[in-house]
C-alpha atoms as a PDB file:
ATOM      1  CA  MET A   1      -8.078 -16.865  -9.025  1.00  0.00           C
ATOM      2  CA  HIS A   2     -10.665 -19.400  -8.011  1.00  0.00           C
ATOM      3  CA  PRO A   3     -10.847 -21.064  -4.611  1.00  0.00           C
ATOM      4  CA  GLY A   4      -9.719 -24.651  -4.551  1.00  0.00           C
ATOM      5  CA  ARG A   5      -8.704 -24.743  -8.208  1.00  0.00           C
ATOM      6  CA  HIS A   6      -5.114 -25.606  -9.057  1.00  0.00           C
ATOM      7  CA  GLY A   7      -3.470 -23.229 -11.466  1.00  0.00           C
ATOM      8  CA  GLY A   8      -6.317 -20.754 -11.244  1.00  0.00           C
ATOM      9  CA  GLY A   9      -6.056 -17.387 -12.955  1.00  0.00           C
ATOM     10  CA  SER A  10      -7.194 -14.032 -11.613  1.00  0.00           C
ATOM     11  CA  HIS A  11     -10.476 -12.428 -12.570  1.00  0.00           C
ATOM     12  CA  GLN A  12      -8.350  -9.700 -14.151  1.00  0.00           C
ATOM     13  CA  PRO A  13      -8.102 -10.340 -17.897  1.00  0.00           C
ATOM     14  CA  GLY A  14      -5.267 -11.580 -19.973  1.00  0.00           C
ATOM     15  CA  HIS A  15      -2.777 -13.686 -18.058  1.00  0.00           C
ATOM     16  CA  PRO A  16      -2.095 -17.433 -17.904  1.00  0.00           C
ATOM     17  CA  PRO A  17      -2.185 -19.651 -14.799  1.00  0.00           C
ATOM     18  CA  LEU A  18       0.280 -18.529 -12.138  1.00  0.00           C
ATOM     19  CA  LEU A  19       0.110 -21.438  -9.705  1.00  0.00           C
ATOM     20  CA  ARG A  20       1.041 -25.077  -9.846  1.00  0.00           C
ATOM     21  CA  GLY A  21      -0.570 -27.828  -7.832  1.00  0.00           C
ATOM     22  CA  ASP A  22       0.998 -30.915  -6.304  1.00  0.00           C
ATOM     23  CA  ARG A  23      -0.083 -33.600  -3.876  1.00  0.00           C
ATOM     24  CA  ALA A  24       0.362 -31.280  -0.923  1.00  0.00           C
ATOM     25  CA  ALA A  25      -1.744 -28.585  -2.586  1.00  0.00           C
ATOM     26  CA  ALA A  26      -4.943 -30.574  -2.134  1.00  0.00           C
ATOM     27  CA  ARG A  27      -4.386 -30.481   1.615  1.00  0.00           C
ATOM     28  CA  ARG A  28      -2.757 -27.087   2.033  1.00  0.00           C
ATOM     29  CA  GLY A  29      -4.096 -24.729  -0.602  1.00  0.00           C
ATOM     30  CA  ILE A  30      -4.462 -24.242  -4.329  1.00  0.00           C
ATOM     31  CA  GLY A  31      -0.758 -24.364  -5.053  1.00  0.00           C
ATOM     32  CA  ARG A  32       2.551 -22.515  -5.159  1.00  0.00           C
ATOM     33  CA  ALA A  33       3.826 -19.912  -7.580  1.00  0.00           C
ATOM     34  CA  LEU A  34       5.290 -21.055 -10.875  1.00  0.00           C
ATOM     35  CA  PRO A  35       8.981 -20.310 -11.490  1.00  0.00           C
ATOM     36  CA  GLY A  36       9.428 -16.615 -12.240  1.00  0.00           C
ATOM     37  CA  VAL A  37       6.206 -15.634 -10.471  1.00  0.00           C
ATOM     38  CA  GLU A  38       6.056 -13.954  -7.071  1.00  0.00           C
ATOM     39  CA  VAL A  39       3.037 -14.065  -4.778  1.00  0.00           C
ATOM     40  CA  ARG A  40       2.544 -11.993  -1.647  1.00  0.00           C
ATOM     41  CA  LEU A  41      -0.296 -10.604   0.453  1.00  0.00           C
ATOM     42  CA  ALA A  42      -1.196  -6.952   0.877  1.00  0.00           C
ATOM     43  CA  GLU A  43      -1.903  -5.576   4.344  1.00  0.00           C
ATOM     44  CA  ASP A  44      -5.619  -6.304   3.909  1.00  0.00           C
ATOM     45  CA  GLY A  45      -4.944  -9.883   2.774  1.00  0.00           C
ATOM     46  CA  GLU A  46      -5.399  -9.303  -0.966  1.00  0.00           C
ATOM     47  CA  VAL A  47      -3.322 -11.640  -3.112  1.00  0.00           C
ATOM     48  CA  LEU A  48      -0.733  -9.788  -5.205  1.00  0.00           C
ATOM     49  CA  VAL A  49       1.224 -11.440  -8.028  1.00  0.00           C
ATOM     50  CA  ARG A  50       4.200 -10.300 -10.094  1.00  0.00           C
ATOM     51  CA  GLY A  51       6.358 -11.903 -12.756  1.00  0.00           C
ATOM     52  CA  GLY A  52       6.843 -12.707 -16.410  1.00  0.00           C
ATOM     53  CA  ASN A  53       3.498 -14.486 -16.743  1.00  0.00           C
ATOM     54  CA  VAL A  54       1.493 -11.597 -15.309  1.00  0.00           C
ATOM     55  CA  SER A  55      -0.580  -9.529 -17.716  1.00  0.00           C
ATOM     56  CA  PRO A  56       0.986  -6.199 -18.711  1.00  0.00           C
ATOM     57  CA  GLY A  57      -2.432  -4.624 -18.191  1.00  0.00           C
ATOM     58  CA  TYR A  58      -5.562  -3.638 -20.067  1.00  0.00           C
ATOM     59  CA  PHE A  59      -5.077  -3.055 -23.796  1.00  0.00           C
ATOM     60  CA  ARG A  60      -4.922   0.676 -24.533  1.00  0.00           C
ATOM     61  CA  ASP A  61      -6.407   1.498 -21.134  1.00  0.00           C
ATOM     62  CA  PRO A  62      -3.656   2.896 -18.898  1.00  0.00           C
ATOM     63  CA  GLU A  63      -6.108   4.210 -16.303  1.00  0.00           C
ATOM     64  CA  ARG A  64      -7.652   0.802 -15.626  1.00  0.00           C
ATOM     65  CA  THR A  65      -4.195  -0.769 -15.721  1.00  0.00           C
ATOM     66  CA  ALA A  66      -3.020   1.635 -13.016  1.00  0.00           C
ATOM     67  CA  GLU A  67      -5.986   0.588 -10.869  1.00  0.00           C
ATOM     68  CA  THR A  68      -4.965  -3.069 -10.931  1.00  0.00           C
ATOM     69  CA  ILE A  69      -1.162  -3.049 -11.316  1.00  0.00           C
ATOM     70  CA  ASP A  70       0.975  -0.869  -9.060  1.00  0.00           C
ATOM     71  CA  PRO A  71       4.189   0.912 -10.184  1.00  0.00           C
ATOM     72  CA  ASP A  72       6.266  -2.020  -8.926  1.00  0.00           C
ATOM     73  CA  GLY A  73       4.388  -4.462 -11.161  1.00  0.00           C
ATOM     74  CA  TRP A  74       2.218  -6.152  -8.525  1.00  0.00           C
ATOM     75  CA  LEU A  75      -1.145  -7.244  -9.925  1.00  0.00           C
ATOM     76  CA  GLN A  76      -4.057  -6.852  -7.499  1.00  0.00           C
ATOM     77  CA  THR A  77      -6.084 -10.028  -8.030  1.00  0.00           C
ATOM     78  CA  GLY A  78      -9.168  -9.036  -6.038  1.00  0.00           C
ATOM     79  CA  ASP A  79      -8.869 -12.276  -4.047  1.00  0.00           C
ATOM     80  CA  ILE A  80      -8.285 -12.515  -0.307  1.00  0.00           C
ATOM     81  CA  GLY A  81      -6.014 -15.355   0.707  1.00  0.00           C
ATOM     82  CA  THR A  82      -3.448 -16.823   3.047  1.00  0.00           C
ATOM     83  CA  LEU A  83       0.108 -18.009   2.427  1.00  0.00           C
ATOM     84  CA  ASP A  84       1.676 -20.674   4.606  1.00  0.00           C
ATOM     85  CA  GLU A  85       5.351 -20.905   5.522  1.00  0.00           C
ATOM     86  CA  ASP A  86       6.084 -23.048   2.449  1.00  0.00           C
ATOM     87  CA  GLY A  87       4.401 -20.689   0.007  1.00  0.00           C
ATOM     88  CA  TYR A  88       1.114 -22.558  -0.480  1.00  0.00           C
ATOM     89  CA  LEU A  89      -1.688 -20.163  -1.295  1.00  0.00           C
ATOM     90  CA  THR A  90      -5.290 -20.601  -0.174  1.00  0.00           C
ATOM     91  CA  ILE A  91      -8.031 -18.323  -1.509  1.00  0.00           C
ATOM     92  CA  ILE A  92     -10.583 -17.370   1.151  1.00  0.00           C
ATOM     93  CA  ASP A  93     -12.925 -14.922  -0.547  1.00  0.00           C
ATOM     94  CA  ARG A  94     -13.301 -12.164  -3.090  1.00  0.00           C
ATOM     95  CA  LYS A  95     -12.222  -8.796  -1.721  1.00  0.00           C
ATOM     96  CA  LYS A  96     -15.497  -7.189  -2.786  1.00  0.00           C
ATOM     97  CA  GLU A  97     -17.392  -9.736  -0.640  1.00  0.00           C
ATOM     98  CA  LEU A  98     -15.562  -8.838   2.573  1.00  0.00           C
ATOM     99  CA  LEU A  99     -17.435  -7.359   5.494  1.00  0.00           C
ATOM    100  CA  ILE A 100     -15.825  -4.422   7.240  1.00  0.00           C
ATOM    101  CA  THR A 101     -16.965  -4.169  10.840  1.00  0.00           C
ATOM    102  CA  ALA A 102     -17.645  -0.903  12.636  1.00  0.00           C
ATOM    103  CA  GLY A 103     -14.175  -1.309  14.130  1.00  0.00           C
ATOM    104  CA  GLY A 104     -12.596  -1.437  10.664  1.00  0.00           C
ATOM    105  CA  LYS A 105     -11.747  -5.151  10.695  1.00  0.00           C
ATOM    106  CA  ASN A 106     -12.065  -7.278   7.552  1.00  0.00           C
ATOM    107  CA  VAL A 107     -14.158 -10.439   7.839  1.00  0.00           C
ATOM    108  CA  SER A 108     -14.698 -13.052   5.121  1.00  0.00           C
ATOM    109  CA  PRO A 109     -18.361 -14.097   5.222  1.00  0.00           C
ATOM    110  CA  ALA A 110     -17.824 -17.013   2.841  1.00  0.00           C
ATOM    111  CA  ASN A 111     -15.195 -18.532   5.106  1.00  0.00           C
ATOM    112  CA  LEU A 112     -17.482 -18.393   8.146  1.00  0.00           C
ATOM    113  CA  GLU A 113     -20.468 -19.639   6.156  1.00  0.00           C
ATOM    114  CA  GLY A 114     -18.471 -22.631   4.982  1.00  0.00           C
ATOM    115  CA  LEU A 115     -17.504 -23.476   8.545  1.00  0.00           C
ATOM    116  CA  LEU A 116     -21.091 -23.171   9.755  1.00  0.00           C
ATOM    117  CA  LYS A 117     -22.385 -25.407   6.965  1.00  0.00           C
ATOM    118  CA  GLN A 118     -20.100 -28.204   8.090  1.00  0.00           C
ATOM    119  CA  HIS A 119     -22.822 -28.982  10.619  1.00  0.00           C
ATOM    120  CA  PRO A 120     -25.293 -31.286   8.831  1.00  0.00           C
ATOM    121  CA  LEU A 121     -28.354 -29.470  10.165  1.00  0.00           C
ATOM    122  CA  ILE A 122     -27.285 -26.150   8.613  1.00  0.00           C
ATOM    123  CA  GLY A 123     -28.241 -25.980   4.943  1.00  0.00           C
ATOM    124  CA  GLN A 124     -27.382 -22.334   4.299  1.00  0.00           C
ATOM    125  CA  ALA A 125     -25.880 -19.479   6.267  1.00  0.00           C
ATOM    126  CA  CYS A 126     -25.484 -15.801   5.505  1.00  0.00           C
ATOM    127  CA  VAL A 127     -23.030 -13.921   7.693  1.00  0.00           C
ATOM    128  CA  VAL A 128     -23.720 -10.221   8.232  1.00  0.00           C
ATOM    129  CA  GLY A 129     -21.879  -7.445  10.014  1.00  0.00           C
ATOM    130  CA  ASP A 130     -20.803  -4.818   7.489  1.00  0.00           C
ATOM    131  CA  ARG A 131     -20.402  -1.511   9.388  1.00  0.00           C
ATOM    132  CA  ARG A 132     -21.880  -3.253  12.425  1.00  0.00           C
ATOM    133  CA  PRO A 133     -20.321  -3.729  15.886  1.00  0.00           C
ATOM    134  CA  TYR A 134     -20.080  -7.520  15.573  1.00  0.00           C
ATOM    135  CA  VAL A 135     -20.675 -10.455  13.250  1.00  0.00           C
ATOM    136  CA  ALA A 136     -24.058 -12.215  13.181  1.00  0.00           C
ATOM    137  CA  ALA A 137     -25.655 -14.870  10.988  1.00  0.00           C
ATOM    138  CA  LEU A 138     -28.882 -15.885   9.301  1.00  0.00           C
ATOM    139  CA  ILE A 139     -29.236 -19.665   9.484  1.00  0.00           C
ATOM    140  CA  VAL A 140     -31.363 -21.851   7.198  1.00  0.00           C
ATOM    141  CA  LEU A 141     -31.867 -25.464   8.208  1.00  0.00           C
ATOM    142  CA  ASP A 142     -31.305 -28.333   5.786  1.00  0.00           C
ATOM    143  CA  ALA A 143     -34.804 -29.501   4.858  1.00  0.00           C
ATOM    144  CA  GLU A 144     -33.586 -32.995   3.930  1.00  0.00           C
ATOM    145  CA  VAL A 145     -31.590 -33.553   7.108  1.00  0.00           C
ATOM    146  CA  ALA A 146     -34.084 -31.977   9.524  1.00  0.00           C
ATOM    147  CA  PRO A 147     -36.703 -34.812   9.600  1.00  0.00           C
ATOM    148  CA  THR A 148     -34.045 -37.450  10.236  1.00  0.00           C
ATOM    149  CA  TRP A 149     -32.383 -35.331  12.915  1.00  0.00           C
ATOM    150  CA  ALA A 150     -35.763 -34.830  14.568  1.00  0.00           C
ATOM    151  CA  GLN A 151     -36.455 -38.564  14.604  1.00  0.00           C
ATOM    152  CA  HIS A 152     -33.040 -39.392  16.059  1.00  0.00           C
ATOM    153  CA  ASN A 153     -33.526 -36.784  18.772  1.00  0.00           C
ATOM    154  CA  GLY A 154     -37.067 -37.693  19.756  1.00  0.00           C
ATOM    155  CA  LEU A 155     -38.740 -34.693  18.163  1.00  0.00           C
ATOM    156  CA  ARG A 156     -41.845 -34.602  16.014  1.00  0.00           C
ATOM    157  CA  PHE A 157     -41.295 -33.044  12.601  1.00  0.00           C
ATOM    158  CA  SER A 158     -44.300 -31.375  10.990  1.00  0.00           C
ATOM    159  CA  SER A 159     -42.745 -28.497   9.068  1.00  0.00           C
ATOM    160  CA  LEU A 160     -39.412 -26.737   8.766  1.00  0.00           C
ATOM    161  CA  ALA A 161     -40.966 -23.589  10.224  1.00  0.00           C
ATOM    162  CA  ASP A 162     -42.159 -25.367  13.382  1.00  0.00           C
ATOM    163  CA  PHE A 163     -38.911 -27.315  13.652  1.00  0.00           C
ATOM    164  CA  SER A 164     -36.863 -24.107  13.461  1.00  0.00           C
ATOM    165  CA  ARG A 165     -38.569 -22.878  16.637  1.00  0.00           C
ATOM    166  CA  GLU A 166     -37.736 -25.960  18.707  1.00  0.00           C
ATOM    167  CA  PRO A 167     -35.541 -25.080  21.723  1.00  0.00           C
ATOM    168  CA  ARG A 168     -33.412 -28.190  21.164  1.00  0.00           C
ATOM    169  CA  VAL A 169     -32.782 -27.153  17.573  1.00  0.00           C
ATOM    170  CA  HIS A 170     -31.720 -23.704  18.740  1.00  0.00           C
ATOM    171  CA  ALA A 171     -29.389 -25.310  21.281  1.00  0.00           C
ATOM    172  CA  GLU A 172     -27.872 -27.527  18.578  1.00  0.00           C
ATOM    173  CA  ILE A 173     -27.236 -24.559  16.285  1.00  0.00           C
ATOM    174  CA  GLN A 174     -25.820 -22.583  19.210  1.00  0.00           C
ATOM    175  CA  GLN A 175     -23.350 -25.407  19.784  1.00  0.00           C
ATOM    176  CA  ALA A 176     -22.417 -25.379  16.095  1.00  0.00           C
ATOM    177  CA  VAL A 177     -21.824 -21.619  16.265  1.00  0.00           C
ATOM    178  CA  ASP A 178     -19.769 -22.012  19.439  1.00  0.00           C
ATOM    179  CA  ASP A 179     -17.632 -24.662  17.742  1.00  0.00           C
ATOM    180  CA  VAL A 180     -16.957 -22.361  14.788  1.00  0.00           C
ATOM    181  CA  ASN A 181     -16.152 -19.468  17.113  1.00  0.00           C
ATOM    182  CA  GLN A 182     -13.416 -21.552  18.715  1.00  0.00           C
ATOM    183  CA  ARG A 183     -11.732 -21.861  15.313  1.00  0.00           C
ATOM    184  CA  VAL A 184     -11.679 -18.215  14.234  1.00  0.00           C
ATOM    185  CA  SER A 185     -10.310 -14.919  15.488  1.00  0.00           C
ATOM    186  CA  GLN A 186     -12.198 -12.850  18.024  1.00  0.00           C
ATOM    187  CA  VAL A 187     -13.407 -10.319  15.459  1.00  0.00           C
ATOM    188  CA  GLU A 188     -14.811 -13.134  13.272  1.00  0.00           C
ATOM    189  CA  ARG A 189     -16.860 -14.758  16.023  1.00  0.00           C
ATOM    190  CA  VAL A 190     -20.606 -14.950  15.429  1.00  0.00           C
ATOM    191  CA  LYS A 191     -22.173 -13.192  18.415  1.00  0.00           C
ATOM    192  CA  ARG A 192     -25.840 -13.703  17.527  1.00  0.00           C
ATOM    193  CA  PHE A 193     -27.859 -15.672  14.999  1.00  0.00           C
ATOM    194  CA  VAL A 194     -31.419 -16.301  13.916  1.00  0.00           C
ATOM    195  CA  ILE A 195     -32.834 -19.526  12.485  1.00  0.00           C
ATOM    196  CA  LEU A 196     -35.132 -18.692   9.591  1.00  0.00           C
ATOM    197  CA  PRO A 197     -38.331 -20.708   9.058  1.00  0.00           C
ATOM    198  CA  ASP A 198     -38.006 -21.232   5.301  1.00  0.00           C
ATOM    199  CA  GLU A 199     -35.580 -22.666   2.775  1.00  0.00           C
ATOM    200  CA  TRP A 200     -33.623 -20.504   0.359  1.00  0.00           C
ATOM    201  CA  THR A 201     -34.295 -21.447  -3.242  1.00  0.00           C
ATOM    202  CA  LEU A 202     -33.844 -20.335  -6.832  1.00  0.00           C
ATOM    203  CA  ASP A 203     -37.542 -19.483  -7.002  1.00  0.00           C
ATOM    204  CA  GLY A 204     -37.275 -17.443  -3.834  1.00  0.00           C
ATOM    205  CA  GLU A 205     -34.369 -15.597  -5.454  1.00  0.00           C
ATOM    206  CA  GLU A 206     -32.066 -16.010  -2.460  1.00  0.00           C
ATOM    207  CA  LEU A 207     -29.765 -18.273  -4.498  1.00  0.00           C
ATOM    208  CA  THR A 208     -28.118 -18.063  -7.907  1.00  0.00           C
ATOM    209  CA  PRO A 209     -28.334 -20.966 -10.398  1.00  0.00           C
ATOM    210  CA  THR A 210     -24.966 -22.130  -9.009  1.00  0.00           C
ATOM    211  CA  LEU A 211     -26.464 -22.012  -5.479  1.00  0.00           C
ATOM    212  CA  LYS A 212     -24.432 -19.034  -4.341  1.00  0.00           C
ATOM    213  CA  LEU A 213     -26.033 -16.481  -2.055  1.00  0.00           C
ATOM    214  CA  LYS A 214     -27.666 -13.412  -3.560  1.00  0.00           C
ATOM    215  CA  ARG A 215     -26.532 -11.246  -0.686  1.00  0.00           C
ATOM    216  CA  ARG A 216     -28.331  -8.063  -1.698  1.00  0.00           C
ATOM    217  CA  VAL A 217     -31.629  -9.931  -2.029  1.00  0.00           C
ATOM    218  CA  ILE A 218     -31.132 -11.573   1.360  1.00  0.00           C
ATOM    219  CA  TYR A 219     -30.187  -8.282   3.032  1.00  0.00           C
ATOM    220  CA  GLN A 220     -33.331  -6.640   1.668  1.00  0.00           C
ATOM    221  CA  LYS A 221     -35.667  -9.572   2.295  1.00  0.00           C
ATOM    222  CA  TYR A 222     -34.503 -10.133   5.863  1.00  0.00           C
ATOM    223  CA  GLY A 223     -33.694  -6.568   6.838  1.00  0.00           C
ATOM    224  CA  GLU A 224     -35.900  -6.692   9.931  1.00  0.00           C
ATOM    225  CA  GLU A 225     -34.356  -9.950  11.127  1.00  0.00           C
ATOM    226  CA  ILE A 226     -30.878  -8.502  10.633  1.00  0.00           C
ATOM    227  CA  ASP A 227     -31.768  -5.347  12.554  1.00  0.00           C
ATOM    228  CA  ARG A 228     -33.065  -7.459  15.443  1.00  0.00           C
ATOM    229  CA  LEU A 229     -29.708  -9.216  15.626  1.00  0.00           C
ATOM    230  CA  TYR A 230     -28.220  -5.844  16.552  1.00  0.00           C
ATOM    231  CA  ALA A 231     -30.987  -4.686  18.882  1.00  0.00           C
ATOM    232  CA  PRO A 232     -30.265  -4.645  22.636  1.00  0.00           C
ATOM    233  CA  ALA A 233     -30.760  -8.086  24.171  1.00  0.00           C
ATOM    234  CA  GLY A 234     -34.335  -8.419  25.370  1.00  0.00           C
ATOM    235  CA  GLY A 235     -35.285  -5.290  23.457  1.00  0.00           C
END
């Protein structure tokens, strides 16, 4: 299934669309199950589907089929989602992208990153916290918005690196983080963040051609910054 796409199909091979959209779907999710198709969520939030339209499995590969379809016929889509009281499904993230905190709680980084990027000054965000005691974030400022924001707020803009160190910029991003934290569960709240001095680009290899995060590259490139987010305060 694909976030925000009506009638999306799972990344598992070989089955037709399982969802139908309507006017409400644009506001509430990607759609509801087609007649004859059941949708439910596993304990970890993974979207499970079952019904006549669901693939019978991998051709001549019973072992792989058993990994994706349980004995009761529920297909594990690999997507994490939510279902509202009327059966509208919203896809939040891919299961393989989830962070699992040191306390064993699942956190969707993409969901938090999307919320953070609603602030115009935040161009990119990478949420971290896998096997860590809390969630933190790497923040990249929007290079196109930053000069205008500086002008409107009485700041001199010379470079993104210098701008990222401005106390008023830090305060603005802190407010954006606080606003997001009010909208998510306690375990999802971003406890600490760092504003990076550079943009993320295709040439820098932090982004894919479709502008998605290359998480492994970012984790390796900014390993020291990430470690500092988990160091004792003032340490």
